[in-house]
Amino acid sequence: MPGPGVIPRHDAVILAGGRARRLGGRDKPGELVGGRPLIERVAAAVPYAERLVVVGERRAMARADVIFSQEEPPGSGPVPALRAGLAHVAAGWVALLAADMPFLRGDHVEALFAAAEAAGAVLVDGEGRRQWLAGVWRREPLSAALEGYRGESLRGLLGPLRAAQVHLAAKDPGREPWTDCDTMEDLERARGGIE
């Protein structure tokens, strides 16, 4: 079911694996911010995704039809995780998101779709860095790029694709859509920034 306005039919892949070393190995996607697990906050940003694919450990989620997948071996990085998730994508477009962005909202994802070029669109942070785990991609070129890619970095995989770079104005410092939670300090800041 397509969403309002500019949103094409799409699926979403949320990468929720990794070892969370800087969080002492805690279950980062399950950490609560504003009373909700981080992964649920990210899932709420893609309400119109026809399929929601979570790459990581199986867990209870608000949406009943979540498809769970796992990279091989578990914890081997974002490129194998993307491969595992993309195997379940059927729509022509896919939102690729990290599970630890508490301030990402549906209107941010809509802005990415509105700006998408030939291959897609990626969010750019306040310092001009492309946030590879906050983007929307056309499935065909993404699959083709993955097929021939032997590297380990998302930048190496996604950088050569023709994607729009989307700069979103942050209304409140510390609540930017690209904010992620890699450390306990990040988590505490995010918890303090949720109303």
C-alpha atoms as a PDB file:
ATOM      1  CA  MET A   1       0.000   0.000   0.000  1.00  0.00           C
ATOM      2  CA  PRO A   2       1.693   3.220  -1.079  1.00  0.00           C
ATOM      3  CA  GLY A   3       1.830   6.061   1.403  1.00  0.00           C
ATOM      4  CA  PRO A   4       0.737   9.636   0.957  1.00  0.00           C
ATOM      5  CA  GLY A   5       2.004  11.873  -1.814  1.00  0.00           C
ATOM      6  CA  VAL A   6       5.437  11.050  -3.114  1.00  0.00           C
ATOM      7  CA  ILE A   7       6.031   7.686  -1.469  1.00  0.00           C
ATOM      8  CA  PRO A   8       6.270   4.809  -3.955  1.00  0.00           C
ATOM      9  CA  ARG A   9       5.483   1.235  -3.011  1.00  0.00           C
ATOM     10  CA  HIS A  10       8.389   0.087  -0.905  1.00  0.00           C
ATOM     11  CA  ASP A  11       9.700  -2.363   1.648  1.00  0.00           C
ATOM     12  CA  ALA A  12      12.026  -1.524   4.534  1.00  0.00           C
ATOM     13  CA  VAL A  13      15.151  -3.263   5.815  1.00  0.00           C
ATOM     14  CA  ILE A  14      16.289  -2.389   9.330  1.00  0.00           C
ATOM     15  CA  LEU A  15      19.783  -3.538  10.263  1.00  0.00           C
ATOM     16  CA  ALA A  16      19.622  -4.586  13.905  1.00  0.00           C
ATOM     17  CA  GLY A  17      22.614  -6.884  14.243  1.00  0.00           C
ATOM     18  CA  GLY A  18      26.153  -6.059  15.207  1.00  0.00           C
ATOM     19  CA  ARG A  19      27.989  -6.628  18.433  1.00  0.00           C
ATOM     20  CA  ALA A  20      27.366  -3.243  20.128  1.00  0.00           C
ATOM     21  CA  ARG A  21      30.922  -3.276  21.482  1.00  0.00           C
ATOM     22  CA  ARG A  22      30.745   0.358  22.603  1.00  0.00           C
ATOM     23  CA  LEU A  23      27.609  -0.509  24.575  1.00  0.00           C
ATOM     24  CA  GLY A  24      29.279  -3.447  26.282  1.00  0.00           C
ATOM     25  CA  GLY A  25      27.478  -5.966  24.074  1.00  0.00           C
ATOM     26  CA  ARG A  26      24.004  -4.859  25.190  1.00  0.00           C
ATOM     27  CA  ASP A  27      20.951  -5.405  22.993  1.00  0.00           C
ATOM     28  CA  LYS A  28      21.167  -1.979  21.350  1.00  0.00           C
ATOM     29  CA  PRO A  29      17.971  -2.212  19.251  1.00  0.00           C
ATOM     30  CA  GLY A  30      16.070  -3.158  22.412  1.00  0.00           C
ATOM     31  CA  GLU A  31      17.347  -0.245  24.501  1.00  0.00           C
ATOM     32  CA  LEU A  32      14.507   2.006  25.604  1.00  0.00           C
ATOM     33  CA  VAL A  33      14.333   5.655  24.606  1.00  0.00           C
ATOM     34  CA  GLY A  34      11.194   7.483  25.637  1.00  0.00           C
ATOM     35  CA  GLY A  35       9.723   4.195  26.856  1.00  0.00           C
ATOM     36  CA  ARG A  36      10.041   2.480  23.445  1.00  0.00           C
ATOM     37  CA  PRO A  37      12.785   0.225  22.068  1.00  0.00           C
ATOM     38  CA  LEU A  38      15.032   1.976  19.549  1.00  0.00           C
ATOM     39  CA  ILE A  39      14.037  -0.503  16.846  1.00  0.00           C
ATOM     40  CA  GLU A  40      10.335   0.306  17.323  1.00  0.00           C
ATOM     41  CA  ARG A  41      11.072   4.015  16.920  1.00  0.00           C
ATOM     42  CA  VAL A  42      12.802   3.298  13.599  1.00  0.00           C
ATOM     43  CA  ALA A  43      10.051   0.925  12.452  1.00  0.00           C
ATOM     44  CA  ALA A  44       7.526   3.695  13.130  1.00  0.00           C
ATOM     45  CA  ALA A  45       9.329   5.862  10.535  1.00  0.00           C
ATOM     46  CA  VAL A  46       8.315   3.439   7.750  1.00  0.00           C
ATOM     47  CA  PRO A  47       4.604   2.842   8.395  1.00  0.00           C
ATOM     48  CA  TYR A  48       3.837   2.358   4.692  1.00  0.00           C
ATOM     49  CA  ALA A  49       6.455  -0.340   4.075  1.00  0.00           C
ATOM     50  CA  GLU A  50       4.705  -3.343   2.579  1.00  0.00           C
ATOM     51  CA  ARG A  51       7.313  -5.651   4.079  1.00  0.00           C
ATOM     52  CA  LEU A  52       9.348  -4.828   7.146  1.00  0.00           C
ATOM     53  CA  VAL A  53      12.525  -6.913   7.246  1.00  0.00           C
ATOM     54  CA  VAL A  54      14.656  -6.883  10.394  1.00  0.00           C
ATOM     55  CA  VAL A  55      18.157  -8.291  10.068  1.00  0.00           C
ATOM     56  CA  GLY A  56      19.154  -9.395  13.534  1.00  0.00           C
ATOM     57  CA  GLU A  57      17.855 -11.447  16.398  1.00  0.00           C
ATOM     58  CA  ARG A  58      14.180 -12.378  16.400  1.00  0.00           C
ATOM     59  CA  ARG A  59      12.248 -10.253  18.906  1.00  0.00           C
ATOM     60  CA  ALA A  60       8.704  -9.263  19.761  1.00  0.00           C
ATOM     61  CA  MET A  61       7.628  -6.244  17.728  1.00  0.00           C
ATOM     62  CA  ALA A  62       4.499  -4.121  17.491  1.00  0.00           C
ATOM     63  CA  ARG A  63       4.042  -5.014  13.830  1.00  0.00           C
ATOM     64  CA  ALA A  64       2.992  -8.661  13.646  1.00  0.00           C
ATOM     65  CA  ASP A  65       4.183  -9.429  10.109  1.00  0.00           C
ATOM     66  CA  VAL A  66       7.872  -8.552  10.521  1.00  0.00           C
ATOM     67  CA  ILE A  67      10.215 -10.788   8.514  1.00  0.00           C
ATOM     68  CA  PHE A  68      13.363 -11.661  10.445  1.00  0.00           C
ATOM     69  CA  SER A  69      16.609 -12.529   8.716  1.00  0.00           C
ATOM     70  CA  GLN A  70      20.206 -13.005   9.815  1.00  0.00           C
ATOM     71  CA  GLU A  71      23.500 -12.315   8.107  1.00  0.00           C
ATOM     72  CA  GLU A  72      26.009 -15.170   7.906  1.00  0.00           C
ATOM     73  CA  PRO A  73      27.898 -15.351  10.093  1.00  0.00           C
ATOM     74  CA  PRO A  74      25.935 -13.249  12.619  1.00  0.00           C
ATOM     75  CA  GLY A  75      27.665  -9.954  13.396  1.00  0.00           C
ATOM     76  CA  SER A  76      29.710 -10.024  10.171  1.00  0.00           C
ATOM     77  CA  GLY A  77      28.853  -6.466   9.191  1.00  0.00           C
ATOM     78  CA  PRO A  78      26.420  -4.272   7.313  1.00  0.00           C
ATOM     79  CA  VAL A  79      27.102  -5.560   3.788  1.00  0.00           C
ATOM     80  CA  PRO A  80      26.278  -9.215   4.611  1.00  0.00           C
ATOM     81  CA  ALA A  81      23.327  -7.922   6.656  1.00  0.00           C
ATOM     82  CA  LEU A  82      22.049  -5.931   3.678  1.00  0.00           C
ATOM     83  CA  ARG A  83      22.404  -9.030   1.477  1.00  0.00           C
ATOM     84  CA  ALA A  84      20.364 -11.054   3.967  1.00  0.00           C
ATOM     85  CA  GLY A  85      17.659  -8.400   4.198  1.00  0.00           C
ATOM     86  CA  LEU A  86      17.441  -7.625   0.499  1.00  0.00           C
ATOM     87  CA  ALA A  87      16.722 -11.296  -0.208  1.00  0.00           C
ATOM     88  CA  HIS A  88      13.263 -10.681   1.312  1.00  0.00           C
ATOM     89  CA  VAL A  89      12.497  -7.421  -0.511  1.00  0.00           C
ATOM     90  CA  ALA A  90       9.818  -7.624  -3.203  1.00  0.00           C
ATOM     91  CA  ALA A  91       8.956  -3.956  -3.837  1.00  0.00           C
ATOM     92  CA  GLY A  92      10.798  -1.799  -6.357  1.00  0.00           C
ATOM     93  CA  TRP A  93      12.060   0.496  -3.598  1.00  0.00           C
ATOM     94  CA  VAL A  94      13.564  -0.213  -0.184  1.00  0.00           C
ATOM     95  CA  ALA A  95      14.245   2.002   2.822  1.00  0.00           C
ATOM     96  CA  LEU A  96      17.559   0.956   4.382  1.00  0.00           C
ATOM     97  CA  LEU A  97      17.791   2.033   8.018  1.00  0.00           C
ATOM     98  CA  ALA A  98      19.845   1.426  11.148  1.00  0.00           C
ATOM     99  CA  ALA A  99      17.948   0.264  14.228  1.00  0.00           C
ATOM    100  CA  ASP A 100      19.436   2.927  16.521  1.00  0.00           C
ATOM    101  CA  MET A 101      18.113   6.277  15.245  1.00  0.00           C
ATOM    102  CA  PRO A 102      15.583   7.486  17.829  1.00  0.00           C
ATOM    103  CA  PHE A 103      14.704  10.768  16.090  1.00  0.00           C
ATOM    104  CA  LEU A 104      14.104   9.451  12.570  1.00  0.00           C
ATOM    105  CA  ARG A 105      10.474  10.047  11.596  1.00  0.00           C
ATOM    106  CA  GLY A 106       8.160   9.240   8.740  1.00  0.00           C
ATOM    107  CA  ASP A 107       8.436  12.743   7.279  1.00  0.00           C
ATOM    108  CA  HIS A 108      12.216  12.288   7.027  1.00  0.00           C
ATOM    109  CA  VAL A 109      11.725   9.087   5.030  1.00  0.00           C
ATOM    110  CA  GLU A 110       9.141  10.879   2.869  1.00  0.00           C
ATOM    111  CA  ALA A 111      11.724  13.596   2.164  1.00  0.00           C
ATOM    112  CA  LEU A 112      14.199  10.940   1.040  1.00  0.00           C
ATOM    113  CA  PHE A 113      11.661   9.442  -1.356  1.00  0.00           C
ATOM    114  CA  ALA A 114      10.732  12.898  -2.664  1.00  0.00           C
ATOM    115  CA  ALA A 115      14.378  13.651  -3.485  1.00  0.00           C
ATOM    116  CA  ALA A 116      15.372  10.213  -4.796  1.00  0.00           C
ATOM    117  CA  GLU A 117      17.263  10.128  -8.088  1.00  0.00           C
ATOM    118  CA  ALA A 118      18.113   7.174 -10.355  1.00  0.00           C
ATOM    119  CA  ALA A 119      19.320   4.860  -7.601  1.00  0.00           C
ATOM    120  CA  GLY A 120      17.899   6.510  -4.512  1.00  0.00           C
ATOM    121  CA  ALA A 121      18.606   9.087  -1.831  1.00  0.00           C
ATOM    122  CA  VAL A 122      20.704   9.197   1.306  1.00  0.00           C
ATOM    123  CA  LEU A 123      20.529  11.442   4.361  1.00  0.00           C
ATOM    124  CA  VAL A 124      23.462  13.815   4.893  1.00  0.00           C
ATOM    125  CA  ASP A 125      24.342  14.914   8.416  1.00  0.00           C
ATOM    126  CA  GLY A 126      25.198  18.402   9.624  1.00  0.00           C
ATOM    127  CA  GLU A 127      28.875  17.904   8.807  1.00  0.00           C
ATOM    128  CA  GLY A 128      28.202  16.791   5.235  1.00  0.00           C
ATOM    129  CA  ARG A 129      28.694  13.057   5.767  1.00  0.00           C
ATOM    130  CA  ARG A 130      26.377  10.680   3.967  1.00  0.00           C
ATOM    131  CA  GLN A 131      24.541   8.419   6.401  1.00  0.00           C
ATOM    132  CA  TRP A 132      24.448   5.129   4.534  1.00  0.00           C
ATOM    133  CA  LEU A 133      22.014   3.580   6.989  1.00  0.00           C
ATOM    134  CA  ALA A 134      19.424   6.299   6.471  1.00  0.00           C
ATOM    135  CA  GLY A 135      18.470   6.067   2.825  1.00  0.00           C
ATOM    136  CA  VAL A 136      16.018   4.837   0.233  1.00  0.00           C
ATOM    137  CA  TRP A 137      17.125   2.797  -2.747  1.00  0.00           C
ATOM    138  CA  ARG A 138      15.699   1.393  -5.930  1.00  0.00           C
ATOM    139  CA  ARG A 139      15.962  -2.376  -5.529  1.00  0.00           C
ATOM    140  CA  GLU A 140      17.357  -3.202  -8.986  1.00  0.00           C
ATOM    141  CA  PRO A 141      20.548  -1.090  -8.944  1.00  0.00           C
ATOM    142  CA  LEU A 142      21.097  -1.962  -5.296  1.00  0.00           C
ATOM    143  CA  SER A 143      20.867  -5.694  -6.049  1.00  0.00           C
ATOM    144  CA  ALA A 144      23.177  -5.316  -9.051  1.00  0.00           C
ATOM    145  CA  ALA A 145      25.741  -3.434  -6.963  1.00  0.00           C
ATOM    146  CA  LEU A 146      25.622  -6.104  -4.254  1.00  0.00           C
ATOM    147  CA  GLU A 147      26.062  -8.903  -6.768  1.00  0.00           C
ATOM    148  CA  GLY A 148      29.473  -7.753  -7.880  1.00  0.00           C
ATOM    149  CA  TYR A 149      30.690  -6.258  -4.595  1.00  0.00           C
ATOM    150  CA  ARG A 150      33.330  -8.073  -2.553  1.00  0.00           C
ATOM    151  CA  GLY A 151      34.184  -5.311  -0.087  1.00  0.00           C
ATOM    152  CA  GLU A 152      32.988  -4.793   3.467  1.00  0.00           C
ATOM    153  CA  SER A 153      31.960  -1.134   3.616  1.00  0.00           C
ATOM    154  CA  LEU A 154      28.552   0.330   2.836  1.00  0.00           C
ATOM    155  CA  ARG A 155      30.288   3.452   1.540  1.00  0.00           C
ATOM    156  CA  GLY A 156      32.199   1.335  -0.967  1.00  0.00           C
ATOM    157  CA  LEU A 157      28.992  -0.349  -2.052  1.00  0.00           C
ATOM    158  CA  LEU A 158      26.570   2.586  -2.085  1.00  0.00           C
ATOM    159  CA  GLY A 159      28.902   5.489  -2.841  1.00  0.00           C
ATOM    160  CA  PRO A 160      29.170   4.764  -6.589  1.00  0.00           C
ATOM    161  CA  LEU A 161      25.375   4.620  -7.016  1.00  0.00           C
ATOM    162  CA  ARG A 162      23.614   7.754  -8.262  1.00  0.00           C
ATOM    163  CA  ALA A 163      21.775   8.835  -5.148  1.00  0.00           C
ATOM    164  CA  ALA A 164      20.513  12.247  -4.135  1.00  0.00           C
ATOM    165  CA  GLN A 165      22.059  13.707  -1.005  1.00  0.00           C
ATOM    166  CA  VAL A 166      19.339  15.000   1.309  1.00  0.00           C
ATOM    167  CA  HIS A 167      20.091  17.704   3.869  1.00  0.00           C
ATOM    168  CA  LEU A 168      17.315  18.029   6.437  1.00  0.00           C
ATOM    169  CA  ALA A 169      17.222  20.983   8.782  1.00  0.00           C
ATOM    170  CA  ALA A 170      17.341  19.902  12.408  1.00  0.00           C
ATOM    171  CA  LYS A 171      14.806  21.754  14.522  1.00  0.00           C
ATOM    172  CA  ASP A 172      16.466  20.892  17.836  1.00  0.00           C
ATOM    173  CA  PRO A 173      20.186  20.308  18.373  1.00  0.00           C
ATOM    174  CA  GLY A 174      20.743  16.768  19.576  1.00  0.00           C
ATOM    175  CA  ARG A 175      17.503  15.544  17.967  1.00  0.00           C
ATOM    176  CA  GLU A 176      18.713  15.353  14.382  1.00  0.00           C
ATOM    177  CA  PRO A 177      17.243  12.546  12.271  1.00  0.00           C
ATOM    178  CA  TRP A 178      20.714  11.071  11.703  1.00  0.00           C
ATOM    179  CA  THR A 179      21.476  10.837  15.441  1.00  0.00           C
ATOM    180  CA  ASP A 180      22.404   7.294  16.362  1.00  0.00           C
ATOM    181  CA  CYS A 181      23.109   5.612  19.691  1.00  0.00           C
ATOM    182  CA  ASP A 182      26.466   3.865  19.722  1.00  0.00           C
ATOM    183  CA  THR A 183      27.506   4.554  23.327  1.00  0.00           C
ATOM    184  CA  MET A 184      25.825   4.889  26.728  1.00  0.00           C
ATOM    185  CA  GLU A 185      26.418   8.648  26.465  1.00  0.00           C
ATOM    186  CA  ASP A 186      24.531   8.694  23.146  1.00  0.00           C
ATOM    187  CA  LEU A 187      21.679   6.752  24.732  1.00  0.00           C
ATOM    188  CA  GLU A 188      21.467   9.061  27.729  1.00  0.00           C
ATOM    189  CA  ARG A 189      21.453  12.132  25.476  1.00  0.00           C
ATOM    190  CA  ALA A 190      18.684  10.609  23.374  1.00  0.00           C
ATOM    191  CA  ARG A 191      16.669   9.749  26.457  1.00  0.00           C
ATOM    192  CA  GLY A 192      17.032  13.322  27.657  1.00  0.00           C
ATOM    193  CA  GLY A 193      15.912  14.634  24.273  1.00  0.00           C
ATOM    194  CA  ILE A 194      12.648  12.673  24.069  1.00  0.00           C
ATOM    195  CA  GLU A 195       9.571  14.530  25.238  1.00  0.00           C
END
